[in-house]
N, C-alpha and C. Protein backbone atom coordinates (compact mmCIF):
# COMPACT_ATOMS: atom_id res chain seq x y z
N MET A 1 28.85 117.75 -25.41
CA MET A 1 28.78 118.27 -26.74
C MET A 1 29.09 119.76 -26.70
N TYR A 2 29.73 120.21 -27.73
CA TYR A 2 30.12 121.61 -27.83
C TYR A 2 29.50 122.25 -29.06
N GLU A 3 29.28 123.55 -28.99
CA GLU A 3 28.71 124.32 -30.08
C GLU A 3 29.58 125.52 -30.36
N MET A 4 29.40 126.11 -31.51
CA MET A 4 30.10 127.34 -31.86
C MET A 4 29.08 128.48 -31.79
N CYS A 5 29.45 129.57 -31.12
CA CYS A 5 28.58 130.74 -30.99
C CYS A 5 29.40 132.00 -31.25
N VAL A 6 28.79 132.95 -31.90
CA VAL A 6 29.46 134.22 -32.17
C VAL A 6 29.33 135.13 -30.95
N GLY A 7 30.43 135.77 -30.60
CA GLY A 7 30.44 136.71 -29.49
C GLY A 7 31.64 137.63 -29.62
N PRO A 8 31.74 138.59 -28.73
CA PRO A 8 32.85 139.54 -28.81
C PRO A 8 34.18 138.88 -28.47
N GLN A 9 35.21 139.35 -29.15
CA GLN A 9 36.57 138.90 -28.83
C GLN A 9 37.00 139.58 -27.55
N THR A 10 37.70 138.88 -26.68
CA THR A 10 38.16 139.45 -25.42
C THR A 10 38.97 140.72 -25.69
N GLY A 11 38.58 141.81 -25.03
CA GLY A 11 39.30 143.07 -25.16
C GLY A 11 39.03 143.82 -26.46
N SER A 12 37.97 143.44 -27.17
CA SER A 12 37.68 144.07 -28.45
C SER A 12 36.18 144.01 -28.72
N SER A 13 35.71 144.81 -29.64
CA SER A 13 34.31 144.73 -30.05
C SER A 13 34.15 143.86 -31.29
N ASP A 14 35.28 143.34 -31.81
CA ASP A 14 35.22 142.45 -32.97
C ASP A 14 34.50 141.16 -32.59
N LEU A 15 33.76 140.59 -33.54
CA LEU A 15 33.06 139.34 -33.31
C LEU A 15 33.88 138.16 -33.81
N VAL A 16 33.86 137.08 -33.03
CA VAL A 16 34.58 135.85 -33.38
C VAL A 16 33.69 134.67 -32.98
N TRP A 17 34.01 133.50 -33.52
CA TRP A 17 33.35 132.26 -33.12
C TRP A 17 34.01 131.72 -31.87
N HIS A 18 33.19 131.40 -30.85
CA HIS A 18 33.66 130.82 -29.60
C HIS A 18 33.16 129.39 -29.49
N VAL A 19 33.89 128.56 -28.74
CA VAL A 19 33.45 127.20 -28.44
C VAL A 19 32.72 127.24 -27.10
N VAL A 20 31.51 126.66 -27.08
CA VAL A 20 30.67 126.69 -25.89
C VAL A 20 30.14 125.29 -25.60
N ALA A 21 30.23 124.86 -24.34
CA ALA A 21 29.60 123.60 -23.95
C ALA A 21 28.09 123.80 -24.04
N ARG A 22 27.40 122.81 -24.54
CA ARG A 22 25.95 122.92 -24.73
C ARG A 22 25.28 123.34 -23.42
N HIS A 23 24.39 124.30 -23.50
CA HIS A 23 23.62 124.84 -22.38
C HIS A 23 24.46 125.68 -21.43
N ALA A 24 25.68 126.02 -21.81
CA ALA A 24 26.51 126.90 -20.97
C ALA A 24 26.27 128.35 -21.38
N ARG A 25 26.53 129.26 -20.47
CA ARG A 25 26.36 130.67 -20.77
C ARG A 25 27.68 131.35 -21.11
N SER A 26 28.78 130.65 -20.89
CA SER A 26 30.07 131.25 -21.23
C SER A 26 30.88 130.27 -22.08
N SER A 27 31.80 130.84 -22.84
CA SER A 27 32.63 130.04 -23.74
C SER A 27 33.78 129.40 -22.98
N LEU A 28 34.54 128.56 -23.66
CA LEU A 28 35.70 127.91 -23.02
C LEU A 28 36.73 128.93 -22.58
N CYS A 29 36.76 130.10 -23.21
CA CYS A 29 37.71 131.14 -22.80
C CYS A 29 37.15 132.04 -21.70
N GLY A 30 35.86 131.84 -21.34
CA GLY A 30 35.26 132.60 -20.25
C GLY A 30 34.41 133.78 -20.67
N VAL A 31 34.25 134.02 -21.96
CA VAL A 31 33.42 135.13 -22.43
C VAL A 31 31.95 134.78 -22.19
N GLU A 32 31.22 135.69 -21.53
CA GLU A 32 29.79 135.51 -21.31
C GLU A 32 29.06 135.78 -22.62
N LEU A 33 28.21 134.84 -23.01
CA LEU A 33 27.46 134.97 -24.25
C LEU A 33 25.98 135.05 -23.93
N SER A 34 25.26 135.90 -24.67
CA SER A 34 23.82 136.01 -24.45
C SER A 34 23.12 134.81 -25.07
N ALA A 35 21.93 134.53 -24.61
CA ALA A 35 21.18 133.38 -25.10
C ALA A 35 20.81 133.55 -26.57
N THR A 36 20.60 134.79 -26.98
CA THR A 36 20.19 135.02 -28.37
C THR A 36 21.38 135.25 -29.28
N GLY A 37 22.46 135.77 -28.75
CA GLY A 37 23.64 136.04 -29.57
C GLY A 37 23.39 137.18 -30.54
N PRO A 38 24.43 137.61 -31.22
CA PRO A 38 24.28 138.70 -32.19
C PRO A 38 23.70 138.15 -33.49
N GLY A 39 22.41 138.18 -33.63
CA GLY A 39 21.75 137.62 -34.81
C GLY A 39 22.29 138.17 -36.11
N GLY A 40 22.50 137.31 -37.06
CA GLY A 40 22.97 137.73 -38.37
C GLY A 40 24.43 138.12 -38.42
N ALA A 41 25.18 137.83 -37.36
CA ALA A 41 26.59 138.20 -37.34
C ALA A 41 27.34 137.45 -38.43
N ASP A 42 28.22 138.15 -39.10
CA ASP A 42 28.96 137.55 -40.20
C ASP A 42 30.46 137.66 -39.92
N THR A 43 31.09 136.55 -39.56
CA THR A 43 32.52 136.53 -39.31
C THR A 43 33.08 135.15 -39.63
N ASP A 44 34.31 135.12 -40.05
CA ASP A 44 34.97 133.83 -40.26
C ASP A 44 36.16 133.70 -39.30
N ARG A 45 36.23 134.61 -38.32
CA ARG A 45 37.31 134.59 -37.33
C ARG A 45 36.91 133.72 -36.15
N HIS A 46 37.90 133.07 -35.53
CA HIS A 46 37.67 132.19 -34.39
C HIS A 46 38.48 132.66 -33.20
N CYS A 47 37.96 132.44 -32.00
CA CYS A 47 38.66 132.76 -30.77
C CYS A 47 39.79 131.74 -30.60
N LEU A 48 41.01 132.20 -30.65
CA LEU A 48 42.15 131.30 -30.56
C LEU A 48 42.26 130.64 -29.18
N THR A 49 41.84 131.35 -28.14
CA THR A 49 41.88 130.77 -26.80
C THR A 49 40.89 129.62 -26.68
N CYS A 50 39.67 129.82 -27.19
CA CYS A 50 38.68 128.73 -27.19
C CYS A 50 39.19 127.54 -27.98
N MET A 51 39.76 127.81 -29.14
CA MET A 51 40.24 126.72 -29.98
C MET A 51 41.36 125.95 -29.29
N ALA A 52 42.24 126.64 -28.57
CA ALA A 52 43.33 125.98 -27.85
C ALA A 52 42.77 125.10 -26.72
N HIS A 53 41.78 125.63 -25.97
CA HIS A 53 41.16 124.84 -24.90
C HIS A 53 40.46 123.61 -25.48
N PHE A 54 39.78 123.78 -26.60
CA PHE A 54 39.08 122.66 -27.23
C PHE A 54 40.08 121.61 -27.70
N GLN A 55 41.20 122.03 -28.26
CA GLN A 55 42.23 121.09 -28.70
C GLN A 55 42.78 120.31 -27.51
N GLN A 56 42.97 120.97 -26.37
CA GLN A 56 43.44 120.28 -25.16
C GLN A 56 42.44 119.22 -24.72
N LEU A 57 41.15 119.53 -24.79
CA LEU A 57 40.12 118.54 -24.43
C LEU A 57 40.18 117.33 -25.36
N LEU A 58 40.36 117.59 -26.65
CA LEU A 58 40.44 116.50 -27.61
C LEU A 58 41.69 115.65 -27.37
N ASN A 59 42.81 116.30 -27.09
CA ASN A 59 44.07 115.58 -26.86
C ASN A 59 44.04 114.76 -25.58
N ALA A 60 43.24 115.21 -24.60
CA ALA A 60 43.16 114.50 -23.32
C ALA A 60 42.45 113.15 -23.48
N GLY A 61 41.69 113.01 -24.57
CA GLY A 61 40.98 111.76 -24.82
C GLY A 61 39.80 111.58 -23.88
N GLY A 62 39.15 110.45 -24.00
CA GLY A 62 37.99 110.19 -23.15
C GLY A 62 36.78 110.99 -23.61
N ASP A 63 35.73 110.89 -22.87
CA ASP A 63 34.48 111.55 -23.20
C ASP A 63 34.31 112.75 -22.31
N HIS A 64 34.61 113.95 -22.83
CA HIS A 64 34.50 115.20 -22.07
C HIS A 64 33.28 115.99 -22.49
N ARG A 65 32.31 115.34 -23.08
CA ARG A 65 31.12 116.04 -23.55
C ARG A 65 30.25 116.44 -22.38
N THR A 66 29.57 117.58 -22.57
CA THR A 66 28.65 118.09 -21.57
C THR A 66 27.26 118.10 -22.16
N GLY A 67 26.27 117.75 -21.36
CA GLY A 67 24.88 117.86 -21.80
C GLY A 67 24.42 116.64 -22.40
């Protein structure tokens, strides 16, 4: 299972939504995320690298869920 968590965009201080495997500490793009995250963060932007990796997992088929 995967979750969405807000964290910094790679190479920037801007916040974006990342895709994270449940109970993982880093996103699909490799960004380390804190357990608490930036509380109250308000963004509608998504990490394009995470989204591309997630799309590849979906296209590969099968059950790639974690946790």
